[in-house]
Amino acid sequence: MQAMTSPVMSGNRRRQRSTRVLVAVLLLVLATLAVAGTAVTGSWVLVTIAAVAALVLGAAATKITHTELLDSRQEAARDRAAQARAYADLTEVRTAENIEFAADMTGKVAKRDATIARLEKRLGDAAAELADARRELAEAGDRAEAAQRANDRLTQQLAAADERANQAVVRVAELEAELDVLTSQIHALEAQARTQARRPA
């Protein structure tokens, strides 16, 4: 921000202002003393001259005061103009900073939105993969249950087959025993037939 007025210039102006005001006051005092001094003499000529001189001095003091007032107003206007320029420059700088900050924030928000979108997509993909995995797990469970049921059936069928095989073995042993009995009987009958055939008629 630019400086509105330099300290040296402000000091010079204050000294000029003080000098002008002092001169105006001295002129008024001088006019008053002149009128008072001539009034004591009682001479109308001197009083008139003093009055005219007082009028001139008063006019000069008024002119000095008016000039000082105009200078003060111009100085104040210059100060306000400089202050307005400084505020305008500051506002411009702050506006640029705000624009830069807004652009930076917009970029950051856009990046975060993009990151959130990517994370949401990944989350959606992970949810889909989880659903697929659960479905596959359920299907595998169903297949395992079906395999278990098939295994149970096969186990039951195997047990039944074993039982039938055992029964068949027992039956074969019984048939073999019956066969042995029949074979013994046949051999006995053949021996008896041969014996009878050897006897004389």
C-alpha atoms as a PDB file:
ATOM      1  CA  MET A   1       0.000   0.000   0.000  1.00  0.00           C
ATOM      2  CA  GLN A   2       1.334   3.422  -0.961  1.00  0.00           C
ATOM      3  CA  ALA A   3       1.988   6.087   1.653  1.00  0.00           C
ATOM      4  CA  MET A   4      -0.620   8.830   1.498  1.00  0.00           C
ATOM      5  CA  THR A   5       1.686  11.740   2.420  1.00  0.00           C
ATOM      6  CA  SER A   6       5.322  11.905   3.351  1.00  0.00           C
ATOM      7  CA  PRO A   7       6.197  13.011   6.907  1.00  0.00           C
ATOM      8  CA  VAL A   8       8.427  15.843   5.605  1.00  0.00           C
ATOM      9  CA  MET A   9       5.695  17.312   3.409  1.00  0.00           C
ATOM     10  CA  SER A  10       3.139  16.994   6.234  1.00  0.00           C
ATOM     11  CA  GLY A  11       5.511  18.808   8.611  1.00  0.00           C
ATOM     12  CA  ASN A  12       6.104  21.610   6.064  1.00  0.00           C
ATOM     13  CA  ARG A  13       2.374  22.032   5.544  1.00  0.00           C
ATOM     14  CA  ARG A  14       1.725  22.136   9.268  1.00  0.00           C
ATOM     15  CA  ARG A  15       4.433  24.815   9.682  1.00  0.00           C
ATOM     16  CA  GLN A  16       2.977  26.804   6.783  1.00  0.00           C
ATOM     17  CA  ARG A  17      -0.490  26.503   8.288  1.00  0.00           C
ATOM     18  CA  SER A  18       0.764  27.597  11.714  1.00  0.00           C
ATOM     19  CA  THR A  19       2.637  30.539  10.154  1.00  0.00           C
ATOM     20  CA  ARG A  20      -0.395  31.693   8.146  1.00  0.00           C
ATOM     21  CA  VAL A  21      -2.726  31.465  11.129  1.00  0.00           C
ATOM     22  CA  LEU A  22      -0.188  33.301  13.285  1.00  0.00           C
ATOM     23  CA  VAL A  23       0.145  36.045  10.655  1.00  0.00           C
ATOM     24  CA  ALA A  24      -3.659  36.389  10.434  1.00  0.00           C
ATOM     25  CA  VAL A  25      -3.954  36.614  14.204  1.00  0.00           C
ATOM     26  CA  LEU A  26      -1.142  39.202  14.340  1.00  0.00           C
ATOM     27  CA  LEU A  27      -2.869  41.281  11.667  1.00  0.00           C
ATOM     28  CA  LEU A  28      -6.131  41.263  13.626  1.00  0.00           C
ATOM     29  CA  VAL A  29      -4.297  42.143  16.834  1.00  0.00           C
ATOM     30  CA  LEU A  30      -2.457  44.945  15.028  1.00  0.00           C
ATOM     31  CA  ALA A  31      -5.724  46.292  13.606  1.00  0.00           C
ATOM     32  CA  THR A  32      -7.311  46.202  17.043  1.00  0.00           C
ATOM     33  CA  LEU A  33      -4.352  48.018  18.627  1.00  0.00           C
ATOM     34  CA  ALA A  34      -4.356  50.618  15.854  1.00  0.00           C
ATOM     35  CA  VAL A  35      -8.043  51.375  16.311  1.00  0.00           C
ATOM     36  CA  ALA A  36      -7.729  51.403  20.095  1.00  0.00           C
ATOM     37  CA  GLY A  37      -4.626  53.593  19.971  1.00  0.00           C
ATOM     38  CA  THR A  38      -6.167  56.187  17.668  1.00  0.00           C
ATOM     39  CA  ALA A  39      -9.420  56.196  19.579  1.00  0.00           C
ATOM     40  CA  VAL A  40      -7.513  57.363  22.648  1.00  0.00           C
ATOM     41  CA  THR A  41      -6.149  60.370  20.739  1.00  0.00           C
ATOM     42  CA  GLY A  42      -9.630  61.529  19.848  1.00  0.00           C
ATOM     43  CA  SER A  43      -8.593  62.536  16.328  1.00  0.00           C
ATOM     44  CA  TRP A  44     -11.206  61.563  13.775  1.00  0.00           C
ATOM     45  CA  VAL A  45      -8.650  61.548  11.014  1.00  0.00           C
ATOM     46  CA  LEU A  46      -6.442  59.092  12.844  1.00  0.00           C
ATOM     47  CA  VAL A  47      -9.456  57.013  13.842  1.00  0.00           C
ATOM     48  CA  THR A  48     -10.611  56.953  10.222  1.00  0.00           C
ATOM     49  CA  ILE A  49      -7.154  56.023   9.005  1.00  0.00           C
ATOM     50  CA  ALA A  50      -6.901  53.376  11.725  1.00  0.00           C
ATOM     51  CA  ALA A  51     -10.359  52.069  10.813  1.00  0.00           C
ATOM     52  CA  VAL A  52      -9.417  51.858   7.150  1.00  0.00           C
ATOM     53  CA  ALA A  53      -6.141  50.188   8.110  1.00  0.00           C
ATOM     54  CA  ALA A  54      -8.039  47.797  10.413  1.00  0.00           C
ATOM     55  CA  LEU A  55     -10.447  47.031   7.567  1.00  0.00           C
ATOM     56  CA  VAL A  56      -7.521  46.307   5.250  1.00  0.00           C
ATOM     57  CA  LEU A  57      -5.765  44.221   7.879  1.00  0.00           C
ATOM     58  CA  GLY A  58      -9.003  42.360   8.616  1.00  0.00           C
ATOM     59  CA  ALA A  59      -9.506  41.719   4.925  1.00  0.00           C
ATOM     60  CA  ALA A  60      -5.917  40.481   4.664  1.00  0.00           C
ATOM     61  CA  ALA A  61      -6.425  38.217   7.686  1.00  0.00           C
ATOM     62  CA  THR A  62      -9.682  36.955   6.172  1.00  0.00           C
ATOM     63  CA  LYS A  63      -7.914  36.309   2.846  1.00  0.00           C
ATOM     64  CA  ILE A  64      -5.097  34.450   4.621  1.00  0.00           C
ATOM     65  CA  THR A  65      -7.615  32.426   6.615  1.00  0.00           C
ATOM     66  CA  HIS A  66      -9.641  31.731   3.448  1.00  0.00           C
ATOM     67  CA  THR A  67      -6.502  30.676   1.594  1.00  0.00           C
ATOM     68  CA  GLU A  68      -5.548  28.427   4.511  1.00  0.00           C
ATOM     69  CA  LEU A  69      -9.051  26.918   4.502  1.00  0.00           C
ATOM     70  CA  LEU A  70      -8.859  26.246   0.751  1.00  0.00           C
ATOM     71  CA  ASP A  71      -5.396  24.722   1.138  1.00  0.00           C
ATOM     72  CA  SER A  72      -6.655  22.548   4.012  1.00  0.00           C
ATOM     73  CA  ARG A  73      -9.615  21.378   1.928  1.00  0.00           C
ATOM     74  CA  GLN A  74      -7.381  20.666  -1.078  1.00  0.00           C
ATOM     75  CA  GLU A  75      -4.942  18.808   1.148  1.00  0.00           C
ATOM     76  CA  ALA A  76      -7.797  16.816   2.668  1.00  0.00           C
ATOM     77  CA  ALA A  77      -9.122  16.077  -0.823  1.00  0.00           C
ATOM     78  CA  ARG A  78      -5.656  14.950  -1.929  1.00  0.00           C
ATOM     79  CA  ASP A  79      -5.371  12.783   1.184  1.00  0.00           C
ATOM     80  CA  ARG A  80      -8.807  11.278   0.522  1.00  0.00           C
ATOM     81  CA  ALA A  81      -7.894  10.695  -3.138  1.00  0.00           C
ATOM     82  CA  ALA A  82      -4.597   9.047  -2.140  1.00  0.00           C
ATOM     83  CA  GLN A  83      -6.445   7.014   0.468  1.00  0.00           C
ATOM     84  CA  ALA A  84      -9.059   6.023  -2.125  1.00  0.00           C
ATOM     85  CA  ARG A  85      -6.294   4.982  -4.536  1.00  0.00           C
ATOM     86  CA  ALA A  86      -4.594   3.015  -1.767  1.00  0.00           C
ATOM     87  CA  TYR A  87      -7.891   1.335  -0.894  1.00  0.00           C
ATOM     88  CA  ALA A  88      -8.522   0.643  -4.583  1.00  0.00           C
ATOM     89  CA  ASP A  89      -5.052  -0.912  -4.910  1.00  0.00           C
ATOM     90  CA  LEU A  90      -5.617  -2.919  -1.732  1.00  0.00           C
ATOM     91  CA  THR A  91      -9.047  -4.007  -2.979  1.00  0.00           C
ATOM     92  CA  GLU A  92      -7.504  -5.037  -6.297  1.00  0.00           C
ATOM     93  CA  VAL A  93      -4.814  -7.049  -4.512  1.00  0.00           C
ATOM     94  CA  ARG A  94      -7.367  -8.674  -2.215  1.00  0.00           C
ATOM     95  CA  THR A  95      -9.674  -9.382  -5.164  1.00  0.00           C
ATOM     96  CA  ALA A  96      -6.788 -11.061  -7.006  1.00  0.00           C
ATOM     97  CA  GLU A  97      -5.946 -13.023  -3.852  1.00  0.00           C
ATOM     98  CA  ASN A  98      -9.601 -14.020  -3.458  1.00  0.00           C
ATOM     99  CA  ILE A  99      -9.768 -15.101  -7.100  1.00  0.00           C
ATOM    100  CA  GLU A 100      -6.563 -17.107  -6.700  1.00  0.00           C
ATOM    101  CA  PHE A 101      -7.855 -18.620  -3.454  1.00  0.00           C
ATOM    102  CA  ALA A 102     -11.203 -19.450  -5.069  1.00  0.00           C
ATOM    103  CA  ALA A 103      -9.431 -21.043  -8.050  1.00  0.00           C
ATOM    104  CA  ASP A 104      -7.189 -23.027  -5.697  1.00  0.00           C
ATOM    105  CA  MET A 105     -10.170 -24.149  -3.625  1.00  0.00           C
ATOM    106  CA  THR A 106     -12.093 -25.024  -6.788  1.00  0.00           C
ATOM    107  CA  GLY A 107      -9.158 -27.136  -7.967  1.00  0.00           C
ATOM    108  CA  LYS A 108      -8.895 -28.859  -4.594  1.00  0.00           C
ATOM    109  CA  VAL A 109     -12.649 -29.500  -4.498  1.00  0.00           C
ATOM    110  CA  ALA A 110     -12.502 -30.887  -8.045  1.00  0.00           C
ATOM    111  CA  LYS A 111      -9.604 -33.180  -7.062  1.00  0.00           C
ATOM    112  CA  ARG A 112     -11.476 -34.355  -3.962  1.00  0.00           C
ATOM    113  CA  ASP A 113     -14.626 -34.913  -6.025  1.00  0.00           C
ATOM    114  CA  ALA A 114     -12.598 -36.951  -8.511  1.00  0.00           C
ATOM    115  CA  THR A 115     -11.030 -38.921  -5.646  1.00  0.00           C
ATOM    116  CA  ILE A 116     -14.464 -39.518  -4.102  1.00  0.00           C
ATOM    117  CA  ALA A 117     -15.812 -40.615  -7.493  1.00  0.00           C
ATOM    118  CA  ARG A 118     -12.896 -43.054  -7.912  1.00  0.00           C
ATOM    119  CA  LEU A 119     -13.408 -44.388  -4.384  1.00  0.00           C
ATOM    120  CA  GLU A 120     -17.148 -44.745  -4.965  1.00  0.00           C
ATOM    121  CA  LYS A 121     -16.441 -46.635  -8.205  1.00  0.00           C
ATOM    122  CA  ARG A 122     -13.951 -48.873  -6.408  1.00  0.00           C
ATOM    123  CA  LEU A 123     -16.459 -49.380  -3.621  1.00  0.00           C
ATOM    124  CA  GLY A 124     -19.111 -50.300  -6.174  1.00  0.00           C
ATOM    125  CA  ASP A 125     -16.707 -52.718  -7.875  1.00  0.00           C
ATOM    126  CA  ALA A 126     -15.763 -54.219  -4.495  1.00  0.00           C
ATOM    127  CA  ALA A 127     -19.451 -54.577  -3.595  1.00  0.00           C
ATOM    128  CA  ALA A 128     -20.095 -56.316  -6.939  1.00  0.00           C
ATOM    129  CA  GLU A 129     -17.089 -58.607  -6.372  1.00  0.00           C
ATOM    130  CA  LEU A 130     -18.328 -59.343  -2.853  1.00  0.00           C
ATOM    131  CA  ALA A 131     -21.791 -60.161  -4.200  1.00  0.00           C
ATOM    132  CA  ASP A 132     -20.224 -62.452  -6.830  1.00  0.00           C
ATOM    133  CA  ALA A 133     -18.069 -64.112  -4.175  1.00  0.00           C
ATOM    134  CA  ARG A 134     -21.089 -64.639  -1.928  1.00  0.00           C
ATOM    135  CA  ARG A 135     -23.060 -66.058  -4.837  1.00  0.00           C
ATOM    136  CA  GLU A 136     -20.175 -68.371  -5.751  1.00  0.00           C
ATOM    137  CA  LEU A 137     -19.851 -69.362  -2.105  1.00  0.00           C
ATOM    138  CA  ALA A 138     -23.575 -70.119  -1.934  1.00  0.00           C
ATOM    139  CA  GLU A 139     -23.326 -72.118  -5.155  1.00  0.00           C
ATOM    140  CA  ALA A 140     -20.300 -73.970  -3.783  1.00  0.00           C
ATOM    141  CA  GLY A 141     -22.249 -74.646  -0.588  1.00  0.00           C
ATOM    142  CA  ASP A 142     -25.150 -75.959  -2.625  1.00  0.00           C
ATOM    143  CA  ARG A 143     -22.760 -78.130  -4.637  1.00  0.00           C
ATOM    144  CA  ALA A 144     -21.133 -79.327  -1.409  1.00  0.00           C
ATOM    145  CA  GLU A 145     -24.547 -80.176   0.039  1.00  0.00           C
ATOM    146  CA  ALA A 146     -25.487 -81.965  -3.182  1.00  0.00           C
ATOM    147  CA  ALA A 147     -22.171 -83.811  -3.119  1.00  0.00           C
ATOM    148  CA  GLN A 148     -22.740 -84.674   0.537  1.00  0.00           C
ATOM    149  CA  ARG A 149     -26.200 -85.999  -0.280  1.00  0.00           C
ATOM    150  CA  ALA A 150     -24.786 -87.961  -3.215  1.00  0.00           C
ATOM    151  CA  ASN A 151     -22.031 -89.277  -0.932  1.00  0.00           C
ATOM    152  CA  ASP A 152     -24.640 -90.275   1.640  1.00  0.00           C
ATOM    153  CA  ARG A 153     -26.628 -92.067  -1.066  1.00  0.00           C
ATOM    154  CA  LEU A 154     -23.523 -93.780  -2.373  1.00  0.00           C
ATOM    155  CA  THR A 155     -22.547 -94.740   1.164  1.00  0.00           C
ATOM    156  CA  GLN A 156     -26.016 -96.186   1.712  1.00  0.00           C
ATOM    157  CA  GLN A 157     -25.862 -97.969  -1.653  1.00  0.00           C
ATOM    158  CA  LEU A 158     -22.396 -99.294  -0.794  1.00  0.00           C
ATOM    159  CA  ALA A 159     -23.624-100.516   2.563  1.00  0.00           C
ATOM    160  CA  ALA A 160     -26.581-102.195   0.874  1.00  0.00           C
ATOM    161  CA  ALA A 161     -24.250-103.724  -1.735  1.00  0.00           C
ATOM    162  CA  ASP A 162     -21.948-104.952   1.025  1.00  0.00           C
ATOM    163  CA  GLU A 163     -24.923-106.475   2.783  1.00  0.00           C
ATOM    164  CA  ARG A 164     -26.087-108.130  -0.424  1.00  0.00           C
ATOM    165  CA  ALA A 165     -22.549-109.341  -1.081  1.00  0.00           C
ATOM    166  CA  ASN A 166     -22.367-110.805   2.408  1.00  0.00           C
ATOM    167  CA  GLN A 167     -25.719-112.445   1.874  1.00  0.00           C
ATOM    168  CA  ALA A 168     -24.513-113.772  -1.466  1.00  0.00           C
ATOM    169  CA  VAL A 169     -21.365-115.168   0.162  1.00  0.00           C
ATOM    170  CA  VAL A 170     -23.508-116.873   2.783  1.00  0.00           C
ATOM    171  CA  ARG A 171     -25.819-118.155   0.068  1.00  0.00           C
ATOM    172  CA  VAL A 172     -22.852-119.407  -1.980  1.00  0.00           C
ATOM    173  CA  ALA A 173     -21.499-121.187   1.089  1.00  0.00           C
ATOM    174  CA  GLU A 174     -24.891-122.754   1.667  1.00  0.00           C
ATOM    175  CA  LEU A 175     -25.129-123.752  -1.982  1.00  0.00           C
ATOM    176  CA  GLU A 176     -21.600-125.180  -1.860  1.00  0.00           C
ATOM    177  CA  ALA A 177     -22.562-127.151   1.261  1.00  0.00           C
ATOM    178  CA  GLU A 178     -25.693-128.418  -0.477  1.00  0.00           C
ATOM    179  CA  LEU A 179     -23.570-129.204  -3.526  1.00  0.00           C
ATOM    180  CA  ASP A 180     -21.140-131.153  -1.382  1.00  0.00           C
ATOM    181  CA  VAL A 181     -24.056-133.076   0.155  1.00  0.00           C
ATOM    182  CA  LEU A 182     -25.512-133.833  -3.260  1.00  0.00           C
ATOM    183  CA  THR A 183     -22.095-134.818  -4.570  1.00  0.00           C
ATOM    184  CA  SER A 184     -21.639-137.186  -1.605  1.00  0.00           C
ATOM    185  CA  GLN A 185     -25.074-138.630  -2.212  1.00  0.00           C
ATOM    186  CA  ILE A 186     -24.327-139.064  -5.929  1.00  0.00           C
ATOM    187  CA  HIS A 187     -21.029-140.768  -5.121  1.00  0.00           C
ATOM    188  CA  ALA A 188     -22.784-143.013  -2.629  1.00  0.00           C
ATOM    189  CA  LEU A 189     -25.459-143.922  -5.165  1.00  0.00           C
ATOM    190  CA  GLU A 190     -22.797-144.609  -7.803  1.00  0.00           C
ATOM    191  CA  ALA A 191     -20.880-146.821  -5.371  1.00  0.00           C
ATOM    192  CA  GLN A 192     -24.057-148.662  -4.440  1.00  0.00           C
ATOM    193  CA  ALA A 193     -24.880-149.100  -8.126  1.00  0.00           C
ATOM    194  CA  ARG A 194     -21.444-150.506  -8.845  1.00  0.00           C
ATOM    195  CA  THR A 195     -21.730-152.872  -5.896  1.00  0.00           C
ATOM    196  CA  GLN A 196     -25.067-154.143  -7.086  1.00  0.00           C
ATOM    197  CA  ALA A 197     -23.702-154.542 -10.565  1.00  0.00           C
ATOM    198  CA  ARG A 198     -20.940-156.847  -9.352  1.00  0.00           C
ATOM    199  CA  ARG A 199     -23.300-159.241  -7.571  1.00  0.00           C
ATOM    200  CA  PRO A 200     -24.179-162.380  -9.597  1.00  0.00           C
ATOM    201  CA  ALA A 201     -27.661-162.579 -10.834  1.00  0.00           C
END
